[in-house]
Protein backbone atom coordinates (compact mmCIF):
# COMPACT_ATOMS: atom_id res chain seq x y z
CA UNK A 1 0.00 0.00 0.00
CA UNK A 2 1.31 3.43 -0.96
CA UNK A 3 2.64 5.41 2.01
CA UNK A 4 1.28 8.81 2.93
CA UNK A 5 4.54 10.70 2.44
CA UNK A 6 4.84 13.16 -0.42
CA UNK A 7 7.10 16.17 -0.94
CA UNK A 8 4.52 18.51 0.57
CA UNK A 9 3.75 16.30 3.59
CA UNK A 10 7.32 15.34 4.50
CA UNK A 11 8.19 16.59 7.99
CA UNK A 12 10.99 19.14 7.69
CA UNK A 13 11.48 20.26 11.30
CA UNK A 14 12.68 17.36 13.53
CA UNK A 15 12.16 14.81 10.74
CA UNK A 16 12.86 11.90 13.09
CA UNK A 17 9.47 12.57 14.68
CA UNK A 18 7.66 12.05 11.40
CA UNK A 19 5.59 8.93 10.69
CA UNK A 20 3.95 8.00 7.40
CA UNK A 21 2.14 4.73 8.03
CA UNK A 22 -1.62 4.56 7.71
CA UNK A 23 -1.98 2.89 11.11
CA UNK A 24 -0.10 5.83 12.66
CA UNK A 25 -2.56 8.21 11.02
CA UNK A 26 -5.60 6.16 12.00
CA UNK A 27 -4.46 6.11 15.62
CA UNK A 28 -4.39 9.91 15.82
CA UNK A 29 -7.66 10.41 13.95
CA UNK A 30 -9.52 7.84 16.01
CA UNK A 31 -8.41 9.40 19.31
CA UNK A 32 -9.45 13.01 18.59
CA UNK A 33 -12.80 14.73 18.10
CA UNK A 34 -12.07 17.98 16.27
CA UNK A 35 -10.08 18.70 13.13
CA UNK A 36 -8.96 22.04 11.69
CA UNK A 37 -9.54 22.54 7.97
CA UNK A 38 -7.49 25.08 6.04
CA UNK A 39 -8.76 26.45 2.72
CA UNK A 40 -8.78 29.59 0.58
CA UNK A 41 -11.88 31.74 0.12
CA UNK A 42 -11.63 34.82 -2.09
CA UNK A 43 -7.83 34.50 -1.82
CA UNK A 44 -8.01 34.75 1.97
CA UNK A 45 -6.87 31.73 4.04
CA UNK A 46 -9.29 30.39 6.65
CA UNK A 47 -8.94 27.62 9.22
CA UNK A 48 -12.22 26.19 10.51
CA UNK A 49 -12.63 23.66 13.33
CA UNK A 50 -15.23 20.95 12.86
CA UNK A 51 -16.28 17.46 13.91
CA UNK A 52 -15.36 14.53 11.70
CA UNK A 53 -15.44 10.77 11.41
CA UNK A 54 -13.17 8.16 9.86
CA UNK A 55 -14.00 4.95 8.08
CA UNK A 56 -11.22 2.93 6.48
CA UNK A 57 -9.35 5.15 4.02
CA UNK A 58 -11.55 8.25 4.28
CA UNK A 59 -12.24 11.13 6.65
CA UNK A 60 -15.84 12.36 6.62
CA UNK A 61 -17.01 15.97 7.15
CA UNK A 62 -20.38 17.70 7.11
CA UNK A 63 -21.75 21.22 7.21
CA UNK A 64 -24.35 23.64 5.93
CA UNK A 65 -24.70 23.65 2.17
CA UNK A 66 -24.26 27.45 2.33
CA UNK A 67 -21.10 27.54 4.47
CA UNK A 68 -17.84 28.86 3.04
CA UNK A 69 -16.11 25.67 4.09
CA UNK A 70 -18.48 23.35 2.24
CA UNK A 71 -18.75 25.58 -0.84
CA UNK A 72 -14.97 25.63 -1.20
CA UNK A 73 -14.58 21.91 -0.60
CA UNK A 74 -17.21 21.18 -3.24
CA UNK A 75 -15.47 23.47 -5.74
CA UNK A 76 -12.61 20.98 -6.02
CA UNK A 77 -10.15 23.05 -4.03
CA UNK A 78 -7.34 21.22 -2.28
CA UNK A 79 -7.66 21.52 1.49
CA UNK A 80 -5.38 20.80 4.43
CA UNK A 81 -6.67 19.03 7.53
CA UNK A 82 -4.93 19.00 10.91
CA UNK A 83 -5.67 17.01 14.05
CA UNK A 84 -3.61 17.50 17.21
CA UNK A 85 -3.64 15.68 20.54
CA UNK A 86 -1.79 17.42 23.37
CA UNK A 87 -0.26 14.87 25.76
CA UNK A 88 1.82 17.05 28.07
CA UNK A 89 3.89 20.15 28.76
CA UNK A 90 7.65 19.67 28.56
CA UNK A 91 9.32 21.99 31.08
CA UNK A 92 13.02 22.45 30.50
CA UNK A 93 15.71 24.21 32.50
CA UNK A 94 16.02 26.85 29.81
CA UNK A 95 13.15 28.84 28.33
CA UNK A 96 14.44 27.99 24.86
CA UNK A 97 13.96 24.23 25.30
CA UNK A 98 10.42 24.25 26.70
CA UNK A 99 8.16 22.16 24.48
CA UNK A 100 5.07 19.96 24.41
CA UNK A 101 4.45 16.27 23.94
CA UNK A 102 1.88 15.71 21.22
CA UNK A 103 0.55 13.57 18.41
CA UNK A 104 -0.49 15.44 15.28
CA UNK A 105 -1.66 14.57 11.79
CA UNK A 106 -1.74 16.56 8.56
CA UNK A 107 -3.81 15.43 5.56
CA UNK A 108 -3.96 17.02 2.11
CA UNK A 109 -6.68 16.17 -0.36
CA UNK A 110 -9.83 16.99 -2.30
CA UNK A 111 -13.38 16.36 -1.13
CA UNK A 112 -15.98 14.16 -2.78
CA UNK A 113 -19.65 14.98 -2.15
CA UNK A 114 -21.85 12.14 -0.94
CA UNK A 115 -25.51 11.70 -1.86
CA UNK A 116 -28.33 9.29 -1.11
CA UNK A 117 -27.52 6.33 1.12
CA UNK A 118 -23.81 7.24 1.11
CA UNK A 119 -24.67 10.67 2.55
CA UNK A 120 -26.74 9.16 5.35
CA UNK A 121 -23.95 6.66 6.05
CA UNK A 122 -21.45 9.54 6.24
CA UNK A 123 -23.57 11.27 8.88
CA UNK A 124 -23.69 8.04 10.85
CA UNK A 125 -19.90 7.71 10.70
CA UNK A 126 -19.47 11.25 12.05
CA UNK A 127 -22.08 10.74 14.79
CA UNK A 128 -20.59 7.42 15.86
CA UNK A 129 -17.15 9.01 16.03
CA UNK A 130 -18.49 11.64 18.44
CA UNK A 131 -20.07 8.93 20.62
CA UNK A 132 -20.18 5.28 19.63
CA UNK A 133 -23.74 3.95 19.81
CA UNK A 134 -25.40 7.38 19.74
CA UNK A 135 -26.77 7.02 16.20
CA UNK A 136 -29.13 4.24 17.26
CA UNK A 137 -30.29 6.20 20.33
CA UNK A 138 -31.25 9.37 18.43
CA UNK A 139 -33.77 10.54 15.83
CA UNK A 140 -32.55 10.18 12.26
CA UNK A 141 -32.21 13.31 10.08
CA UNK A 142 -35.40 14.34 8.31
CA UNK A 143 -35.69 15.49 4.68
CA UNK A 144 -35.37 19.19 5.57
CA UNK A 145 -32.20 18.58 7.59
CA UNK A 146 -30.69 16.40 4.88
CA UNK A 147 -31.37 19.05 2.25
CA UNK A 148 -29.64 21.73 4.33
CA UNK A 149 -26.58 19.57 5.02
CA UNK A 150 -23.74 18.50 2.77
CA UNK A 151 -21.55 15.50 3.54
CA UNK A 152 -18.14 14.98 1.97
CA UNK A 153 -15.29 12.56 2.32
CA UNK A 154 -11.59 13.05 1.68
CA UNK A 155 -9.27 10.12 0.90
CA UNK A 156 -6.43 9.47 3.33
CA UNK A 157 -3.78 9.22 0.61
CA UNK A 158 -1.40 12.09 1.37
CA UNK A 159 -0.34 13.13 4.84
CA UNK A 160 1.98 12.69 7.77
CA UNK A 161 2.00 12.20 11.53
CA UNK A 162 4.38 13.94 13.91
CA UNK A 163 4.93 12.79 17.49
CA UNK A 164 6.97 14.08 20.41
CA UNK A 165 7.36 12.09 23.62
CA UNK A 166 9.69 12.10 26.58
CA UNK A 167 11.48 14.57 28.86
CA UNK A 168 13.06 17.91 27.95
CA UNK A 169 16.34 18.06 26.08
CA UNK A 170 18.48 20.78 27.65
CA UNK A 171 21.97 21.95 26.83
CA UNK A 172 24.56 19.76 28.54
CA UNK A 173 25.78 22.54 30.82
CA UNK A 174 22.24 23.35 32.01
CA UNK A 175 21.71 19.98 33.68
CA UNK A 176 23.67 21.24 36.71
CA UNK A 177 21.34 24.20 37.23
CA UNK A 178 19.14 24.23 40.34
CA UNK A 179 15.95 24.32 38.25
CA UNK A 180 13.17 21.74 38.21
CA UNK A 181 12.63 20.16 34.81
CA UNK A 182 10.36 17.41 33.56
CA UNK A 183 6.97 16.63 32.09
CA UNK A 184 3.47 17.68 33.11
CA UNK A 185 1.13 15.10 31.55
CA UNK A 186 -2.25 16.18 30.20
CA UNK A 187 -5.23 13.85 29.94
CA UNK A 188 -8.91 14.15 29.06
CA UNK A 189 -11.67 12.55 31.10
CA UNK A 190 -15.45 12.62 30.99
CA UNK A 191 -17.39 14.26 33.80
CA UNK A 192 -20.83 13.52 35.18
CA UNK A 193 -23.52 13.65 32.47
CA UNK A 194 -25.89 16.62 32.84
CA UNK A 195 -29.42 16.04 31.59
CA UNK A 196 -31.04 18.75 29.45
CA UNK A 197 -33.04 20.90 31.94
CA UNK A 198 -35.75 21.41 29.30
CA UNK A 199 -36.23 17.70 28.76
CA UNK A 200 -37.60 14.73 30.70
CA UNK A 201 -35.22 14.40 33.62
CA UNK A 202 -36.43 10.86 34.43
CA UNK A 203 -35.04 9.30 31.25
CA UNK A 204 -32.18 6.94 32.08
CA UNK A 205 -28.68 7.74 30.86
CA UNK A 206 -28.17 5.72 27.63
CA UNK A 207 -25.69 2.93 27.22
CA UNK A 208 -23.43 4.96 24.91
CA UNK A 209 -22.73 7.46 27.70
CA UNK A 210 -22.46 4.82 30.42
CA UNK A 211 -19.75 3.06 28.42
CA UNK A 212 -17.76 6.28 28.06
CA UNK A 213 -17.90 7.04 31.79
CA UNK A 214 -17.08 3.45 32.81
CA UNK A 215 -20.25 3.20 34.89
CA UNK A 216 -19.06 5.88 37.31
CA UNK A 217 -22.09 8.14 36.78
CA UNK A 218 -25.44 6.39 36.59
CA UNK A 219 -27.72 9.00 38.10
């Protein structure tokens, strides 16, 4: 299978941190929730955050049929997608060598519009990425909502992953300084579910949420 690396996706800064395998890319995409999409509109660059989903060799996006993002994607313009997971702050002895531990992915490609059953399937992929099992617990989109929404997919054929792990890397002479150095890990956890105050408060928390909170919050 062709690797993701191309001239425009090859990592230039700290190239040893670059990865180009599809499994490396899938790992980052499957762990995050939000991507940033860069595109040009009237010769002005924009970067828009949005939800997404992945299925096999494609990333799926959706939005209003009238949005700048969707209109530009449907025009055949090449876009750039970024996903970043922040794993920790790297605190060095010198200000210069402070850094962060992270996993990031960059994808370059063109969007393909989905229609009919493929469009509905794309919406399911995005919804299930947000919360696995939620699609079957919720109302399906109606005709009006489907008409107002566009769904596209972009092939995962050109991209790269960049990863930094580990402690700070100071200058040799700075290791004798009386300054604390190390890592401050960052993690994400789910809190207690809060029912919609305008809804029926007696409805039991669904299985999709219980699975995400490991059964810690059942009330």
